Amino acid sequence: MKVKVQNACTVIFRLINRYCGIFRNMSRALRNLCERFLPDKSGARKRSREIDAMLKRDRRFAELILLFGSDKSGKTTFLKQMRLVKGAEFNHEERLKFREAIYNNIIRGMRVLVQERKKLGIPWQNSANEMHEMLIESFERRMNFEPCAFQPYVSAIDSLWKDSGIQEADRSRTNFELYESVKYYFDNIHRIGQLYYLPNNQDILYTHKYRSKEEHYFVLRDSPFLVYLAICRLRGPLSWTFPIMCPIFYIIGSSDYDQISDEYNCLVQSLDMFESLYNKKMFLNNNIILFFNKMDLLAEKVQTADIRKHFPEFQGDPHRLEDVQEFLIQSFKKRTGNYSRLVFYHMITAVDTENFRDVFKTVEDIVMCRNLKGFPIL
């Protein structure tokens, strides 16, 4: 009897495999038919295939671009925006991974605010939020975070974010580390909390992922480039010691002049890193392009914050955007020492696709050596 059952199970298993194979083939055939015959008004599918083919063929011959920047300056946002403006959309699987990261970003961000409210002794406006506080504080980072598992947190996040106690803690964020992107997510919590939510491009640009890819391939004017995210702090030895002739992108968090990371002012950290990079012998002949990122946040911050509290040498109107921008430019210029070479700069908002696209047209000219005048500091 046992043998018969085993034989029957074997037959059923083979039938299942056979028909699953048939369905897989049918699915593949239907997908191919759709790609062949369904209209694609945007041309995105065709462009994506062209890019994939070119990268596969020319990857070994790609030119290098090095990407540097201090913590929280927006390096990964810059890379994601590069990808989008060059026509390479995020696929469904990637969006699912970003969704998981977004869920974690939201809850971890709120947990920071909840804990800081408690440290500062700020009372709750709504005492019912004590229960939501317990839910948030019990959270641990999750893998395979599905929308149904995120549902219990939606109303808690919404209620907490509306509480004046959390709002007051958020206004003190210069005293603790918290990514600016969480405010965007809190303001969109009901959309993000839907069961069938899938991140759009703007959601992805605001995402902070805990593990980021270090190498990215792009096509600039039909030429393949490898953009390498250099995550070293530049204080110790680099992983290479030979001269590298390639453009260097350096990202600066312009609005971070009052932010502290590891007990270190973020702008001072960025200045020190730039000085170290600029004076590395292996990079003495490299073109450097500075990207003063987060212009939107800087424009908002100068309305209330006084940069002189952190940089007493500042001269000008601390609430005038142009004066603060000029101070930032001159601060980096002073770190270039005696070397006389071109350093280009651009003011950008990496989460603003149209702004990024306009700026990057000029950057492409510099990278392709078609316009070496640019906007030199020196």
Protein backbone atom coordinates (compact mmCIF):
# COMPACT_ATOMS: atom_id res chain seq x y z
CA MET A 1 0.00 0.00 0.00
CA LYS A 2 2.85 2.35 0.92
CA VAL A 3 4.60 1.68 -2.40
CA LYS A 4 1.39 2.44 -4.34
CA VAL A 5 0.98 5.74 -2.50
CA GLN A 6 4.60 6.66 -3.25
CA ASN A 7 4.13 5.75 -6.93
CA ALA A 8 0.93 7.82 -7.11
CA CYS A 9 2.71 10.78 -5.51
CA THR A 10 5.55 10.45 -8.01
CA VAL A 11 3.11 10.47 -10.92
CA ILE A 12 1.27 13.50 -9.55
CA PHE A 13 4.56 15.32 -8.96
CA ARG A 14 5.65 14.65 -12.55
CA LEU A 15 2.32 15.85 -13.89
CA ILE A 16 2.58 19.04 -11.84
CA ASN A 17 6.10 19.68 -13.13
CA ARG A 18 4.98 18.97 -16.68
CA TYR A 19 2.04 21.34 -16.59
CA CYS A 20 3.98 24.00 -14.69
CA GLY A 21 6.54 23.85 -17.48
CA ILE A 22 3.78 24.26 -20.04
CA PHE A 23 2.37 27.28 -18.19
CA ARG A 24 5.83 28.81 -17.90
CA ASN A 25 6.37 28.42 -21.63
CA MET A 26 2.94 29.89 -22.36
CA SER A 27 3.67 32.84 -20.07
CA ARG A 28 7.00 33.43 -21.78
CA ALA A 29 5.40 33.25 -25.21
CA LEU A 30 2.65 35.68 -24.24
CA ARG A 31 5.19 38.10 -22.83
CA ASN A 32 7.20 37.97 -26.05
CA LEU A 33 4.05 38.55 -28.09
CA CYS A 34 3.12 41.54 -25.94
CA GLU A 35 6.56 43.04 -26.34
CA ARG A 36 6.42 42.48 -30.09
CA PHE A 37 2.92 43.70 -30.90
CA LEU A 38 1.66 45.98 -28.10
CA PRO A 39 2.33 49.68 -28.71
CA ASP A 40 4.92 51.41 -26.60
CA LYS A 41 4.29 55.11 -27.00
CA SER A 42 7.08 56.18 -24.68
CA GLY A 43 9.73 54.01 -26.35
CA ALA A 44 11.01 53.12 -22.87
CA ARG A 45 11.04 49.38 -23.57
CA LYS A 46 13.06 49.76 -26.75
CA ARG A 47 15.48 52.18 -25.10
CA SER A 48 15.91 49.83 -22.12
CA ARG A 49 16.80 46.93 -24.43
CA GLU A 50 19.29 49.09 -26.30
CA ILE A 51 20.96 50.16 -23.07
CA ASP A 52 21.13 46.58 -21.76
CA ALA A 53 22.68 45.38 -25.02
CA MET A 54 25.22 48.19 -25.11
CA LEU A 55 26.24 47.72 -21.49
CA LYS A 56 26.64 43.99 -21.94
CA ARG A 57 28.77 44.50 -25.03
CA ASP A 58 30.89 47.42 -23.87
CA ARG A 59 31.11 46.89 -20.09
CA ARG A 60 34.76 45.89 -20.27
CA PHE A 61 35.63 49.14 -22.06
CA ALA A 62 33.61 51.52 -19.90
CA GLU A 63 35.29 54.74 -18.78
CA LEU A 64 35.44 55.39 -15.06
CA ILE A 65 33.79 58.12 -12.99
CA LEU A 66 34.52 58.27 -9.26
CA LEU A 67 31.77 59.44 -6.93
CA PHE A 68 32.73 60.79 -3.50
CA GLY A 69 30.82 62.57 -0.74
CA SER A 70 30.30 62.68 3.00
CA ASP A 71 27.58 60.81 4.87
CA LYS A 72 24.00 61.85 4.03
CA SER A 73 25.14 64.16 1.22
CA GLY A 74 22.88 62.41 -1.32
CA LYS A 75 25.29 60.14 -3.22
CA THR A 76 22.86 57.28 -3.80
CA THR A 77 20.07 59.72 -4.69
CA PHE A 78 22.43 61.22 -7.27
CA LEU A 79 23.05 57.77 -8.76
CA LYS A 80 19.36 56.90 -8.88
CA GLN A 81 18.60 60.18 -10.60
CA MET A 82 21.40 59.58 -13.12
CA ARG A 83 19.79 56.30 -13.97
CA LEU A 84 16.36 57.85 -14.46
CA VAL A 85 17.47 60.76 -16.63
CA LYS A 86 19.38 58.33 -18.85
CA GLY A 87 16.17 56.38 -19.50
CA ALA A 88 16.73 53.28 -17.36
CA GLU A 89 13.55 52.78 -15.33
CA PHE A 90 13.39 50.62 -12.20
CA ASN A 91 11.80 47.24 -12.86
CA HIS A 92 9.07 45.62 -10.78
CA GLU A 93 11.45 43.53 -8.68
CA GLU A 94 13.57 46.56 -7.83
CA ARG A 95 10.48 48.54 -6.83
CA LEU A 96 9.47 45.75 -4.45
CA LYS A 97 12.88 45.96 -2.79
CA PHE A 98 12.58 49.72 -2.50
CA ARG A 99 9.13 49.30 -0.98
CA GLU A 100 10.63 47.19 1.78
CA ALA A 101 13.31 49.82 2.38
CA ILE A 102 10.67 52.57 2.50
CA TYR A 103 8.67 50.72 5.15
CA ASN A 104 11.81 50.35 7.24
CA ASN A 105 12.81 54.01 6.67
CA ILE A 106 9.42 55.22 7.90
CA ILE A 107 9.25 53.19 11.09
CA ARG A 108 12.91 53.63 12.01
CA GLY A 109 12.61 57.38 11.38
CA MET A 110 9.56 57.67 13.61
CA ARG A 111 11.29 55.62 16.29
CA VAL A 112 14.13 58.18 16.34
CA LEU A 113 11.61 61.00 16.81
CA VAL A 114 9.72 59.10 19.51
CA GLN A 115 12.93 58.46 21.44
CA GLU A 116 14.13 62.05 21.09
CA ARG A 117 10.77 63.38 22.30
CA LYS A 118 11.21 61.27 25.40
CA LYS A 119 14.81 62.48 25.94
CA LEU A 120 13.76 66.11 25.58
CA GLY A 121 10.88 65.63 28.03
CA ILE A 122 8.29 66.93 25.55
CA PRO A 123 4.74 65.95 26.59
CA TRP A 124 2.27 64.27 24.27
CA GLN A 125 -0.48 66.42 22.84
CA ASN A 126 -2.62 63.28 22.54
CA SER A 127 -2.13 60.76 25.37
CA ALA A 128 -3.47 57.99 23.11
CA ASN A 129 -0.14 58.16 21.26
CA GLU A 130 1.52 56.38 24.18
CA MET A 131 0.18 53.12 22.73
CA HIS A 132 1.48 54.02 19.27
CA GLU A 133 4.83 54.83 20.86
CA MET A 134 5.04 51.30 22.30
CA LEU A 135 4.30 49.79 18.88
CA ILE A 136 7.00 51.86 17.17
CA GLU A 137 9.64 51.21 19.83
CA SER A 138 9.09 47.45 19.64
CA PHE A 139 9.90 47.46 15.91
CA GLU A 140 13.00 45.72 14.59
CA ARG A 141 14.18 45.95 11.01
CA ARG A 142 12.39 43.38 8.88
CA MET A 143 13.18 41.53 5.70
CA ASN A 144 10.40 40.59 3.28
CA PHE A 145 8.27 43.41 4.67
CA GLU A 146 4.90 43.02 2.93
CA PRO A 147 2.11 45.66 2.78
CA CYS A 148 -0.17 43.59 5.02
CA ALA A 149 2.53 43.58 7.73
CA PHE A 150 2.93 47.35 7.39
CA GLN A 151 -0.79 48.05 7.85
CA PRO A 152 -0.79 48.17 11.69
CA TYR A 153 1.81 50.97 11.57
CA VAL A 154 -0.04 53.29 9.17
CA SER A 155 -2.53 54.82 11.61
CA ALA A 156 0.15 54.92 14.34
CA ILE A 157 2.58 56.86 12.11
CA ASP A 158 -0.17 59.23 11.01
CA SER A 159 -1.30 59.96 14.57
CA LEU A 160 2.24 60.38 15.89
CA TRP A 161 3.31 62.70 13.07
CA LYS A 162 0.33 64.98 13.74
CA ASP A 163 1.16 65.22 17.44
CA SER A 164 2.75 68.54 18.49
CA GLY A 165 5.20 66.61 20.69
CA ILE A 166 6.70 64.84 17.66
CA GLN A 167 6.64 68.06 15.63
CA GLU A 168 8.62 69.84 18.35
CA ALA A 169 11.14 66.98 18.48
CA ASP A 170 11.49 67.17 14.69
CA ARG A 171 12.37 70.86 14.91
CA SER A 172 15.33 69.86 17.11
CA ARG A 173 16.72 67.42 14.54
CA THR A 174 20.04 69.30 14.34
CA ASN A 175 20.90 67.59 17.65
CA PHE A 176 20.44 64.04 16.39
CA GLU A 177 20.75 62.03 13.17
CA LEU A 178 17.63 61.69 11.07
CA TYR A 179 17.27 61.52 7.30
CA GLU A 180 15.28 64.41 5.82
CA SER A 181 13.38 61.99 3.57
CA VAL A 182 11.23 60.69 6.43
CA LYS A 183 9.17 63.89 6.40
CA TYR A 184 8.23 63.19 2.77
CA TYR A 185 7.12 59.67 3.72
CA PHE A 186 5.17 60.80 6.79
CA ASP A 187 3.29 63.34 4.68
CA ASN A 188 2.39 60.56 2.19
CA ILE A 189 1.71 57.80 4.72
CA HIS A 190 -1.85 57.02 3.57
CA ARG A 191 -0.79 56.54 -0.05
CA ILE A 192 2.22 54.46 0.98
CA GLY A 193 0.05 52.47 3.40
CA GLN A 194 -2.27 51.13 0.70
CA LEU A 195 -2.27 47.35 0.26
CA TYR A 196 -1.36 47.54 -3.41
CA TYR A 197 1.26 50.24 -3.01
CA LEU A 198 4.25 50.20 -5.36
CA PRO A 199 6.83 53.00 -5.09
CA ASN A 200 6.92 55.61 -7.84
CA ASN A 201 10.17 57.23 -8.98
CA GLN A 202 9.89 60.09 -6.49
CA ASP A 203 9.41 57.65 -3.60
CA ILE A 204 12.52 55.76 -4.71
CA LEU A 205 14.62 58.91 -4.92
CA TYR A 206 13.88 59.63 -1.25
CA THR A 207 14.72 56.08 -0.16
CA HIS A 208 17.67 55.35 2.05
CA LYS A 209 18.82 51.78 1.48
CA TYR A 210 21.09 50.16 4.00
CA ARG A 211 23.10 48.30 1.38
CA SER A 212 23.86 50.16 -1.81
CA LYS A 213 25.55 48.89 -4.91
CA GLU A 214 29.03 50.35 -5.35
CA GLU A 215 29.25 50.15 -9.16
CA HIS A 216 26.74 51.49 -11.67
CA TYR A 217 26.88 51.44 -15.45
CA PHE A 218 25.50 54.27 -17.57
CA VAL A 219 25.57 55.35 -21.18
CA LEU A 220 26.46 58.99 -21.78
CA ARG A 221 26.06 60.01 -25.42
CA ASP A 222 26.56 56.45 -26.65
CA SER A 223 29.68 55.94 -24.52
CA PRO A 224 29.62 53.47 -21.60
CA PHE A 225 30.69 54.72 -18.18
CA LEU A 226 31.23 52.95 -14.88
CA VAL A 227 30.35 55.17 -11.91
CA TYR A 228 32.08 53.87 -8.81
CA LEU A 229 30.71 54.94 -5.42
CA ALA A 230 33.81 55.44 -3.30
CA ILE A 231 32.58 54.90 0.25
CA CYS A 232 35.97 55.39 1.93
CA ARG A 233 36.42 58.40 4.22
CA LEU A 234 39.67 59.45 2.51
CA ARG A 235 41.51 59.78 5.82
CA GLY A 236 43.32 56.49 5.60
CA PRO A 237 44.82 54.77 2.53
CA LEU A 238 42.53 54.17 -0.45
CA SER A 239 42.03 50.73 -1.94
CA TRP A 240 44.14 51.81 -4.94
CA THR A 241 47.41 53.76 -5.04
CA PHE A 242 48.04 54.26 -8.77
CA PRO A 243 47.05 57.43 -10.67
CA ILE A 244 43.57 57.29 -12.17
CA MET A 245 42.69 59.64 -14.99
CA CYS A 246 38.93 60.07 -14.77
CA PRO A 247 36.34 62.67 -13.74
CA ILE A 248 35.52 62.91 -10.05
CA PHE A 249 32.02 63.80 -8.83
CA TYR A 250 31.95 65.15 -5.29
CA ILE A 251 28.54 65.48 -3.59
CA ILE A 252 27.97 68.06 -0.85
CA GLY A 253 24.96 68.27 1.44
CA SER A 254 24.56 72.06 1.27
CA SER A 255 21.90 72.24 3.97
CA ASP A 256 23.91 70.16 6.44
CA TYR A 257 25.91 73.04 7.93
CA ASP A 258 24.03 72.66 11.21
CA GLN A 259 23.91 68.85 11.21
CA ILE A 260 26.04 66.57 13.39
CA SER A 261 27.16 63.07 12.39
CA ASP A 262 29.32 61.02 14.76
CA GLU A 263 29.87 64.19 16.85
CA TYR A 264 31.28 65.91 13.77
CA ASN A 265 29.75 68.81 11.86
CA CYS A 266 28.62 67.45 8.48
CA LEU A 267 29.84 70.44 6.44
CA VAL A 268 33.23 70.42 8.17
CA GLN A 269 33.43 66.70 7.46
CA SER A 270 32.66 67.35 3.80
CA LEU A 271 35.30 70.11 3.60
CA ASP A 272 37.95 67.89 5.21
CA MET A 273 37.16 65.03 2.85
CA PHE A 274 37.34 67.31 -0.17
CA GLU A 275 40.70 68.72 0.92
CA SER A 276 42.09 65.22 1.38
CA LEU A 277 40.75 64.16 -2.01
CA TYR A 278 42.02 67.28 -3.78
CA ASN A 279 45.55 66.80 -2.44
CA LYS A 280 45.85 63.08 -3.19
CA LYS A 281 48.77 62.70 -5.62
CA MET A 282 46.89 60.10 -7.63
CA PHE A 283 44.16 62.64 -8.42
CA LEU A 284 46.27 65.71 -9.21
CA ASN A 285 45.35 65.61 -12.92
CA ASN A 286 41.66 64.75 -12.49
CA ASN A 287 38.81 67.12 -13.23
CA ILE A 288 36.64 67.52 -10.13
CA ILE A 289 32.99 68.50 -10.30
CA LEU A 290 31.38 69.65 -7.05
CA PHE A 291 27.63 69.19 -6.68
CA PHE A 292 26.15 71.38 -3.98
CA ASN A 293 23.12 69.21 -3.32
CA LYS A 294 19.90 69.81 -1.34
CA MET A 295 19.33 73.33 -2.64
CA ASP A 296 15.62 72.99 -1.83
CA LEU A 297 16.38 72.25 1.82
CA LEU A 298 18.99 75.02 1.97
CA ALA A 299 16.51 77.59 0.64
CA GLU A 300 14.07 76.52 3.34
CA LYS A 301 16.65 76.41 6.13
CA VAL A 302 18.17 79.87 5.64
CA GLN A 303 14.79 81.41 6.40
CA THR A 304 15.10 80.47 10.07
CA ALA A 305 18.57 79.05 10.81
CA ASP A 306 21.64 81.24 11.36
CA ILE A 307 24.77 79.75 9.81
CA ARG A 308 26.94 82.00 12.02
CA LYS A 309 26.17 79.78 15.03
CA HIS A 310 28.24 77.06 13.38
CA PHE A 311 30.54 79.15 11.16
CA PRO A 312 31.23 82.47 12.92
CA GLU A 313 33.53 83.53 10.05
CA PHE A 314 30.48 83.90 7.79
CA GLN A 315 29.98 87.44 6.51
CA GLY A 316 26.77 88.51 4.86
CA ASP A 317 23.08 88.04 5.44
CA PRO A 318 22.57 84.57 6.99
CA HIS A 319 18.97 84.57 5.75
CA ARG A 320 19.86 85.37 2.14
CA LEU A 321 20.29 82.23 0.01
CA GLU A 322 22.82 83.77 -2.39
CA ASP A 323 25.10 84.83 0.50
CA VAL A 324 25.08 81.36 2.01
CA GLN A 325 25.73 79.75 -1.37
CA GLU A 326 28.70 82.05 -1.97
CA PHE A 327 30.08 81.20 1.48
CA LEU A 328 29.88 77.49 0.68
CA ILE A 329 31.71 77.95 -2.63
CA GLN A 330 34.47 80.04 -1.06
CA SER A 331 34.84 77.55 1.82
CA PHE A 332 35.68 74.80 -0.63
CA LYS A 333 37.89 77.08 -2.72
CA LYS A 334 40.03 77.82 0.37
CA ARG A 335 40.68 74.08 0.78
CA THR A 336 42.36 73.79 -2.66
CA GLY A 337 45.71 75.09 -1.39
CA ASN A 338 48.39 75.99 -3.90
CA TYR A 339 47.35 73.67 -6.70
CA SER A 340 45.94 75.53 -9.69
CA ARG A 341 43.51 73.38 -11.63
CA LEU A 342 39.93 73.48 -12.71
CA VAL A 343 37.25 72.57 -10.23
CA PHE A 344 33.70 72.88 -11.53
CA TYR A 345 30.60 73.31 -9.43
CA HIS A 346 26.84 73.07 -9.80
CA MET A 347 23.92 73.81 -7.49
CA ILE A 348 21.44 70.92 -7.62
CA THR A 349 18.45 69.32 -5.96
CA ALA A 350 18.99 65.63 -6.60
CA VAL A 351 15.36 64.67 -5.87
CA ASP A 352 14.14 67.16 -8.51
CA THR A 353 14.32 65.31 -11.82
CA GLU A 354 13.88 68.36 -14.07
CA ASN A 355 16.54 70.35 -12.20
CA PHE A 356 18.91 67.38 -12.30
CA ARG A 357 18.32 66.81 -16.02
CA ASP A 358 19.10 70.43 -16.88
CA VAL A 359 22.28 70.45 -14.81
CA PHE A 360 23.45 67.10 -16.10
CA LYS A 361 23.41 68.29 -19.72
CA THR A 362 26.26 70.63 -18.82
CA VAL A 363 27.98 67.94 -16.77
CA GLU A 364 27.98 65.61 -19.78
CA ASP A 365 29.84 68.28 -21.77
CA ILE A 366 32.51 68.40 -19.08
CA VAL A 367 32.77 64.62 -18.81
CA MET A 368 32.99 64.23 -22.58
CA CYS A 369 35.65 66.99 -22.68
CA ARG A 370 33.57 69.13 -25.00
CA ASN A 371 33.28 72.12 -22.70
CA LEU A 372 36.20 72.51 -20.33
CA LYS A 373 35.27 76.07 -19.33
CA GLY A 374 32.24 75.05 -17.30
CA PHE A 375 31.93 76.98 -14.06
CA PRO A 376 35.45 76.86 -12.60
CA ILE A 377 36.15 77.78 -9.01
CA LEU A 378 39.77 78.50 -9.88
